[in-house]
Amino acid sequence: MRQGPMGGEWREYLGAASGTEESEAIRGSTHTGRPLGAPDFVAALEKALGRRLTALKGGRPAEGARAASQQALRFGRGEGLKEGNVPSVPGLSDT
């Protein structure tokens, strides 16, 4: 098994092994904790681990992109809720 350079050789090894673009990619992945590799490699990792490893688009989702489960939670529009049927809070009255 081949081992990496020892002692003072590390500076040379690390300096020669990576260019600026590669260094930035490594730093970015290290900072975010996300894997670095080809998209199909990351997809295979996601499948093997059963979890998402790629970042999603930031910000609030667009109005039309909300999950169906969230739509049911909107008062007066969800399944099982009638228009104007708002749950009451114990101790509060409308009068």
N, C-alpha and C. Protein backbone atom coordinates (compact mmCIF):
# COMPACT_ATOMS: atom_id res chain seq x y z
N MET A 1 0.85 -1.19 0.00
CA MET A 1 0.00 0.00 0.00
C MET A 1 0.89 1.24 0.00
N ARG A 2 0.58 2.18 -0.88
CA ARG A 2 1.38 3.39 -1.00
C ARG A 2 0.94 4.40 0.04
N GLN A 3 1.90 5.03 0.68
CA GLN A 3 1.59 6.04 1.68
C GLN A 3 1.95 7.41 1.14
N GLY A 4 1.32 8.43 1.70
CA GLY A 4 1.59 9.80 1.28
C GLY A 4 2.95 10.27 1.75
N PRO A 5 3.37 11.46 1.30
CA PRO A 5 4.66 12.01 1.68
C PRO A 5 4.75 12.26 3.19
N MET A 6 5.94 12.24 3.69
CA MET A 6 6.16 12.45 5.12
C MET A 6 6.92 13.74 5.37
N GLY A 7 6.75 14.28 6.57
CA GLY A 7 7.53 15.43 7.00
C GLY A 7 7.35 16.65 6.12
N GLY A 8 8.47 17.26 5.72
CA GLY A 8 8.46 18.49 4.94
C GLY A 8 7.93 18.31 3.53
N GLU A 9 7.77 17.10 3.08
CA GLU A 9 7.25 16.86 1.74
C GLU A 9 5.76 17.22 1.61
N TRP A 10 5.06 17.32 2.74
CA TRP A 10 3.62 17.60 2.69
C TRP A 10 3.32 18.91 2.00
N ARG A 11 4.12 19.96 2.29
CA ARG A 11 3.86 21.27 1.66
C ARG A 11 3.94 21.16 0.15
N GLU A 12 4.97 20.48 -0.33
CA GLU A 12 5.12 20.30 -1.78
C GLU A 12 3.96 19.48 -2.34
N TYR A 13 3.63 18.41 -1.65
CA TYR A 13 2.56 17.51 -2.11
C TYR A 13 1.22 18.26 -2.19
N LEU A 14 0.89 18.98 -1.13
CA LEU A 14 -0.38 19.70 -1.11
C LEU A 14 -0.40 20.86 -2.09
N GLY A 15 0.72 21.52 -2.25
CA GLY A 15 0.79 22.63 -3.19
C GLY A 15 0.67 22.18 -4.63
N ALA A 16 1.23 21.05 -4.96
CA ALA A 16 1.20 20.55 -6.33
C ALA A 16 -0.09 19.81 -6.65
N ALA A 17 -0.73 19.26 -5.64
CA ALA A 17 -1.89 18.41 -5.86
C ALA A 17 -3.15 19.18 -6.23
N SER A 18 -3.23 20.43 -5.85
CA SER A 18 -4.49 21.12 -6.08
C SER A 18 -4.28 22.52 -6.63
N GLY A 19 -5.11 22.87 -7.59
CA GLY A 19 -5.12 24.23 -8.12
C GLY A 19 -6.11 25.06 -7.33
N THR A 20 -6.24 26.30 -7.68
CA THR A 20 -7.13 27.21 -6.97
C THR A 20 -8.59 26.74 -7.05
N GLU A 21 -9.02 26.32 -8.22
CA GLU A 21 -10.41 25.88 -8.39
C GLU A 21 -10.70 24.65 -7.54
N GLU A 22 -9.80 23.70 -7.55
CA GLU A 22 -9.98 22.48 -6.76
C GLU A 22 -9.96 22.79 -5.26
N SER A 23 -9.06 23.68 -4.85
CA SER A 23 -8.97 24.07 -3.43
C SER A 23 -10.27 24.71 -2.97
N GLU A 24 -10.84 25.59 -3.81
CA GLU A 24 -12.10 26.25 -3.45
C GLU A 24 -13.24 25.24 -3.34
N ALA A 25 -13.26 24.26 -4.24
CA ALA A 25 -14.31 23.23 -4.18
C ALA A 25 -14.19 22.42 -2.89
N ILE A 26 -12.97 22.09 -2.51
CA ILE A 26 -12.75 21.33 -1.27
C ILE A 26 -13.15 22.17 -0.06
N ARG A 27 -12.75 23.44 -0.06
CA ARG A 27 -13.12 24.32 1.06
C ARG A 27 -14.64 24.47 1.16
N GLY A 28 -15.29 24.65 0.01
CA GLY A 28 -16.75 24.80 0.01
C GLY A 28 -17.45 23.57 0.57
N SER A 29 -17.03 22.40 0.15
CA SER A 29 -17.64 21.17 0.65
C SER A 29 -17.34 20.94 2.13
N THR A 30 -16.13 21.30 2.54
CA THR A 30 -15.77 21.17 3.95
C THR A 30 -16.60 22.12 4.80
N HIS A 31 -16.79 23.32 4.31
CA HIS A 31 -17.57 24.33 5.05
C HIS A 31 -19.03 23.93 5.20
N THR A 32 -19.62 23.40 4.14
CA THR A 32 -21.05 23.05 4.18
C THR A 32 -21.32 21.65 4.70
N GLY A 33 -20.28 20.80 4.71
CA GLY A 33 -20.48 19.42 5.16
C GLY A 33 -21.11 18.55 4.09
N ARG A 34 -21.14 19.02 2.85
CA ARG A 34 -21.72 18.25 1.76
C ARG A 34 -20.62 17.52 0.99
N PRO A 35 -20.94 16.37 0.40
CA PRO A 35 -19.92 15.61 -0.32
C PRO A 35 -19.46 16.32 -1.59
N LEU A 36 -18.22 16.07 -1.96
CA LEU A 36 -17.66 16.63 -3.18
C LEU A 36 -17.45 15.49 -4.17
N GLY A 37 -18.02 15.63 -5.34
CA GLY A 37 -17.85 14.60 -6.35
C GLY A 37 -18.79 14.85 -7.52
N ALA A 38 -18.72 13.98 -8.49
CA ALA A 38 -19.58 14.07 -9.66
C ALA A 38 -21.04 13.89 -9.24
N PRO A 39 -21.98 14.51 -9.97
CA PRO A 39 -23.40 14.39 -9.61
C PRO A 39 -23.89 12.95 -9.47
N ASP A 40 -23.43 12.04 -10.34
CA ASP A 40 -23.88 10.65 -10.23
C ASP A 40 -23.29 9.97 -9.00
N PHE A 41 -22.09 10.38 -8.59
CA PHE A 41 -21.49 9.86 -7.35
C PHE A 41 -22.31 10.30 -6.14
N VAL A 42 -22.66 11.59 -6.10
CA VAL A 42 -23.45 12.12 -4.98
C VAL A 42 -24.84 11.48 -4.97
N ALA A 43 -25.43 11.28 -6.14
CA ALA A 43 -26.75 10.62 -6.23
C ALA A 43 -26.67 9.19 -5.69
N ALA A 44 -25.58 8.49 -6.00
CA ALA A 44 -25.41 7.12 -5.49
C ALA A 44 -25.27 7.13 -3.97
N LEU A 45 -24.57 8.13 -3.44
CA LEU A 45 -24.45 8.26 -1.98
C LEU A 45 -25.82 8.52 -1.35
N GLU A 46 -26.60 9.42 -1.97
CA GLU A 46 -27.94 9.72 -1.45
C GLU A 46 -28.80 8.47 -1.42
N LYS A 47 -28.73 7.69 -2.47
CA LYS A 47 -29.53 6.47 -2.55
C LYS A 47 -29.08 5.46 -1.49
N ALA A 48 -27.77 5.30 -1.34
CA ALA A 48 -27.24 4.34 -0.38
C ALA A 48 -27.56 4.73 1.06
N LEU A 49 -27.53 6.04 1.34
CA LEU A 49 -27.78 6.52 2.70
C LEU A 49 -29.25 6.79 2.98
N GLY A 50 -30.05 6.90 1.93
CA GLY A 50 -31.47 7.17 2.11
C GLY A 50 -31.74 8.56 2.63
N ARG A 51 -30.88 9.53 2.24
CA ARG A 51 -31.10 10.92 2.67
C ARG A 51 -30.53 11.87 1.63
N ARG A 52 -31.02 13.09 1.65
CA ARG A 52 -30.59 14.11 0.70
C ARG A 52 -29.23 14.66 1.13
N LEU A 53 -28.32 14.77 0.19
CA LEU A 53 -26.99 15.32 0.47
C LEU A 53 -26.73 16.60 -0.30
N THR A 54 -27.53 16.88 -1.33
CA THR A 54 -27.36 18.09 -2.10
C THR A 54 -28.19 19.21 -1.50
N ALA A 55 -27.73 20.43 -1.68
CA ALA A 55 -28.45 21.57 -1.14
C ALA A 55 -29.68 21.88 -1.98
N LEU A 56 -30.73 22.31 -1.33
CA LEU A 56 -31.93 22.76 -2.03
C LEU A 56 -31.80 24.25 -2.31
N LYS A 57 -32.62 24.73 -3.21
CA LYS A 57 -32.65 26.16 -3.50
C LYS A 57 -33.07 26.89 -2.23
N GLY A 58 -32.39 27.96 -1.89
CA GLY A 58 -32.69 28.71 -0.67
C GLY A 58 -33.92 29.57 -0.81
N GLY A 59 -34.44 30.02 0.30
CA GLY A 59 -35.57 30.93 0.30
C GLY A 59 -36.91 30.24 0.49
N ARG A 60 -37.92 31.06 0.55
CA ARG A 60 -39.28 30.57 0.74
C ARG A 60 -39.79 29.95 -0.56
N PRO A 61 -40.51 28.82 -0.47
CA PRO A 61 -41.02 28.20 -1.70
C PRO A 61 -42.08 29.09 -2.36
N ALA A 62 -42.17 28.98 -3.67
CA ALA A 62 -43.17 29.73 -4.41
C ALA A 62 -44.57 29.27 -4.00
N GLU A 63 -45.55 30.11 -4.18
CA GLU A 63 -46.92 29.82 -3.76
C GLU A 63 -47.41 28.50 -4.34
N GLY A 64 -47.16 28.22 -5.59
CA GLY A 64 -47.63 27.00 -6.23
C GLY A 64 -46.82 25.77 -5.87
N ALA A 65 -45.68 25.94 -5.20
CA ALA A 65 -44.79 24.81 -4.92
C ALA A 65 -45.00 24.21 -3.53
N ARG A 66 -45.98 24.68 -2.80
CA ARG A 66 -46.21 24.14 -1.46
C ARG A 66 -46.67 22.69 -1.53
N ALA A 67 -46.30 21.93 -0.54
CA ALA A 67 -46.69 20.52 -0.49
C ALA A 67 -48.19 20.39 -0.27
N ALA A 68 -48.76 19.33 -0.77
CA ALA A 68 -50.19 19.09 -0.62
C ALA A 68 -50.58 19.00 0.85
N SER A 69 -49.69 18.47 1.67
CA SER A 69 -50.00 18.36 3.10
C SER A 69 -50.12 19.73 3.75
N GLN A 70 -49.38 20.71 3.24
CA GLN A 70 -49.47 22.06 3.77
C GLN A 70 -50.77 22.73 3.34
N GLN A 71 -51.25 22.42 2.16
CA GLN A 71 -52.49 23.01 1.68
C GLN A 71 -53.65 22.63 2.59
N ALA A 72 -53.64 21.42 3.13
CA ALA A 72 -54.73 20.96 3.99
C ALA A 72 -54.76 21.71 5.31
N LEU A 73 -53.67 22.35 5.67
CA LEU A 73 -53.60 23.06 6.94
C LEU A 73 -54.16 24.48 6.87
N ARG A 74 -54.42 24.97 5.68
CA ARG A 74 -54.93 26.33 5.54
C ARG A 74 -56.39 26.35 5.99
N PHE A 75 -56.73 27.21 6.92
CA PHE A 75 -58.07 27.27 7.48
C PHE A 75 -59.12 27.57 6.42
N GLY A 76 -60.19 26.81 6.47
CA GLY A 76 -61.31 27.04 5.58
C GLY A 76 -61.12 26.48 4.18
N ARG A 77 -59.98 25.94 3.86
CA ARG A 77 -59.74 25.43 2.52
C ARG A 77 -59.35 23.95 2.54
N GLY A 78 -58.92 23.45 3.67
CA GLY A 78 -58.44 22.08 3.73
C GLY A 78 -59.56 21.07 3.83
N GLU A 79 -59.19 19.82 3.60
CA GLU A 79 -60.15 18.74 3.68
C GLU A 79 -60.62 18.59 5.13
N GLY A 80 -61.91 18.50 5.36
CA GLY A 80 -62.44 18.33 6.70
C GLY A 80 -62.74 19.64 7.40
N LEU A 81 -62.34 20.75 6.82
CA LEU A 81 -62.63 22.05 7.40
C LEU A 81 -63.65 22.76 6.53
N LYS A 82 -64.65 23.35 7.15
CA LYS A 82 -65.67 24.10 6.44
C LYS A 82 -65.31 25.58 6.48
N GLU A 83 -65.81 26.34 5.51
CA GLU A 83 -65.54 27.77 5.48
C GLU A 83 -65.99 28.41 6.80
N GLY A 84 -65.11 29.14 7.42
CA GLY A 84 -65.43 29.80 8.68
C GLY A 84 -65.30 28.90 9.91
N ASN A 85 -64.95 27.65 9.73
CA ASN A 85 -64.81 26.71 10.84
C ASN A 85 -63.39 26.82 11.40
N VAL A 86 -63.23 27.73 12.33
CA VAL A 86 -61.92 27.96 12.94
C VAL A 86 -61.93 27.33 14.32
N PRO A 87 -60.93 26.56 14.67
CA PRO A 87 -60.89 25.94 16.00
C PRO A 87 -60.96 26.99 17.11
N SER A 88 -61.68 26.65 18.16
CA SER A 88 -61.81 27.58 19.27
C SER A 88 -60.66 27.38 20.26
N VAL A 89 -60.40 28.43 21.03
CA VAL A 89 -59.36 28.39 22.06
C VAL A 89 -60.06 28.42 23.40
N PRO A 90 -59.80 27.43 24.26
CA PRO A 90 -60.45 27.43 25.57
C PRO A 90 -60.16 28.72 26.33
N GLY A 91 -61.20 29.30 26.94
CA GLY A 91 -61.05 30.51 27.73
C GLY A 91 -61.27 31.78 26.96
N LEU A 92 -61.39 31.69 25.65
CA LEU A 92 -61.65 32.88 24.84
C LEU A 92 -63.03 32.77 24.25
N SER A 93 -63.71 33.89 24.16
CA SER A 93 -65.03 33.89 23.55
C SER A 93 -65.12 34.98 22.50
N ASP A 94 -66.10 34.89 21.62
CA ASP A 94 -66.28 35.88 20.58
C ASP A 94 -67.00 37.12 21.05
N THR A 95 -67.54 37.11 22.25
CA THR A 95 -68.33 38.26 22.73
C THR A 95 -67.50 39.25 23.49
